[in-house]
Amino acid sequence: MKINDLIGELKIAVTNEEDALLEKVTSIHNLNSFTEREQFILNNLIRKSLVSKINHKGNTFVTKNT
């Protein structure tokens, strides 16, 4: 028996602001293209494992986890 069978669907709590920003991140975006407030929210989403941070050649990118 798998853990998902026991738990059901695992829901991660997100705020309205996080949800709106999560919908904007449809592909890979440069982190610097977001405002300071959006970067703060993205860091919260990274901690919740809803968004991944990618470092490539000195640039930082973010993408939504699927």
C-alpha atoms as a PDB file:
ATOM      1  CA  MET A   1       0.000   0.000   0.000  1.00  0.00           C
ATOM      2  CA  LYS A   2       1.346   3.421  -0.951  1.00  0.00           C
ATOM      3  CA  ILE A   3       1.380   6.423   1.354  1.00  0.00           C
ATOM      4  CA  ASN A   4      -0.759   8.356  -1.161  1.00  0.00           C
ATOM      5  CA  ASP A   5      -3.456   5.689  -0.810  1.00  0.00           C
ATOM      6  CA  LEU A   6      -3.548   6.322   2.927  1.00  0.00           C
ATOM      7  CA  ILE A   7      -3.373  10.113   2.862  1.00  0.00           C
ATOM      8  CA  GLY A   8      -5.369  10.831  -0.266  1.00  0.00           C
ATOM      9  CA  GLU A   9      -4.444  13.969  -2.103  1.00  0.00           C
ATOM     10  CA  LEU A  10      -1.874  16.054  -0.239  1.00  0.00           C
ATOM     11  CA  LYS A  11      -2.788  19.750  -0.312  1.00  0.00           C
ATOM     12  CA  ILE A  12      -0.248  22.493   0.330  1.00  0.00           C
ATOM     13  CA  ALA A  13      -1.682  25.711   1.754  1.00  0.00           C
ATOM     14  CA  VAL A  14      -0.985  28.768  -0.381  1.00  0.00           C
ATOM     15  CA  THR A  15      -2.169  32.335  -0.036  1.00  0.00           C
ATOM     16  CA  ASN A  16      -4.110  34.157  -2.744  1.00  0.00           C
ATOM     17  CA  GLU A  17      -0.993  36.154  -3.558  1.00  0.00           C
ATOM     18  CA  GLU A  18       1.113  32.988  -3.897  1.00  0.00           C
ATOM     19  CA  ASP A  19      -1.550  31.347  -6.047  1.00  0.00           C
ATOM     20  CA  ALA A  20      -1.723  34.340  -8.411  1.00  0.00           C
ATOM     21  CA  LEU A  21       2.061  34.385  -8.823  1.00  0.00           C
ATOM     22  CA  LEU A  22       2.184  30.616  -9.266  1.00  0.00           C
ATOM     23  CA  GLU A  23      -0.192  30.977 -12.232  1.00  0.00           C
ATOM     24  CA  LYS A  24       2.186  33.547 -13.807  1.00  0.00           C
ATOM     25  CA  VAL A  25       5.134  31.123 -13.692  1.00  0.00           C
ATOM     26  CA  THR A  26       4.200  28.954 -16.668  1.00  0.00           C
ATOM     27  CA  SER A  27       7.742  28.340 -17.940  1.00  0.00           C
ATOM     28  CA  ILE A  28      11.321  29.202 -16.967  1.00  0.00           C
ATOM     29  CA  HIS A  29      11.708  32.860 -15.932  1.00  0.00           C
ATOM     30  CA  ASN A  30      14.682  34.889 -14.752  1.00  0.00           C
ATOM     31  CA  LEU A  31      14.286  35.670 -11.045  1.00  0.00           C
ATOM     32  CA  ASN A  32      15.428  39.262 -11.644  1.00  0.00           C
ATOM     33  CA  SER A  33      12.458  39.876 -13.962  1.00  0.00           C
ATOM     34  CA  PHE A  34      10.153  39.842 -10.921  1.00  0.00           C
ATOM     35  CA  THR A  35       9.636  42.685  -8.453  1.00  0.00           C
ATOM     36  CA  GLU A  36      11.152  42.501  -4.978  1.00  0.00           C
ATOM     37  CA  ARG A  37       7.782  41.515  -3.472  1.00  0.00           C
ATOM     38  CA  GLU A  38       7.292  38.786  -6.098  1.00  0.00           C
ATOM     39  CA  GLN A  39      10.801  37.468  -5.402  1.00  0.00           C
ATOM     40  CA  PHE A  40       9.911  37.222  -1.705  1.00  0.00           C
ATOM     41  CA  ILE A  41       6.749  35.271  -2.555  1.00  0.00           C
ATOM     42  CA  LEU A  42       8.709  33.050  -4.958  1.00  0.00           C
ATOM     43  CA  ASN A  43      11.149  32.214  -2.161  1.00  0.00           C
ATOM     44  CA  ASN A  44       8.163  31.097  -0.050  1.00  0.00           C
ATOM     45  CA  LEU A  45       6.983  28.913  -2.935  1.00  0.00           C
ATOM     46  CA  ILE A  46      10.494  27.454  -3.266  1.00  0.00           C
ATOM     47  CA  ARG A  47      10.406  26.510   0.439  1.00  0.00           C
ATOM     48  CA  LYS A  48       7.024  24.845  -0.137  1.00  0.00           C
ATOM     49  CA  SER A  49       8.543  22.947  -3.114  1.00  0.00           C
ATOM     50  CA  LEU A  50       6.018  24.390  -5.556  1.00  0.00           C
ATOM     51  CA  VAL A  51       8.698  26.266  -7.524  1.00  0.00           C
ATOM     52  CA  SER A  52      12.284  25.261  -8.332  1.00  0.00           C
ATOM     53  CA  LYS A  53      15.268  27.588  -8.395  1.00  0.00           C
ATOM     54  CA  ILE A  54      17.867  26.952 -11.122  1.00  0.00           C
ATOM     55  CA  ASN A  55      21.330  28.537 -11.135  1.00  0.00           C
ATOM     56  CA  HIS A  56      22.917  28.653 -14.603  1.00  0.00           C
ATOM     57  CA  LYS A  57      26.011  30.654 -15.593  1.00  0.00           C
ATOM     58  CA  GLY A  58      25.560  33.174 -12.800  1.00  0.00           C
ATOM     59  CA  ASN A  59      21.852  33.707 -13.473  1.00  0.00           C
ATOM     60  CA  THR A  60      18.999  32.468 -11.313  1.00  0.00           C
ATOM     61  CA  PHE A  61      15.856  31.107 -12.940  1.00  0.00           C
ATOM     62  CA  VAL A  62      12.602  29.800 -11.491  1.00  0.00           C
ATOM     63  CA  THR A  63      10.122  27.298 -12.854  1.00  0.00           C
ATOM     64  CA  LYS A  64       6.933  25.712 -11.565  1.00  0.00           C
ATOM     65  CA  ASN A  65       7.174  22.128 -10.306  1.00  0.00           C
ATOM     66  CA  THR A  66       4.713  19.756 -11.894  1.00  0.00           C
END
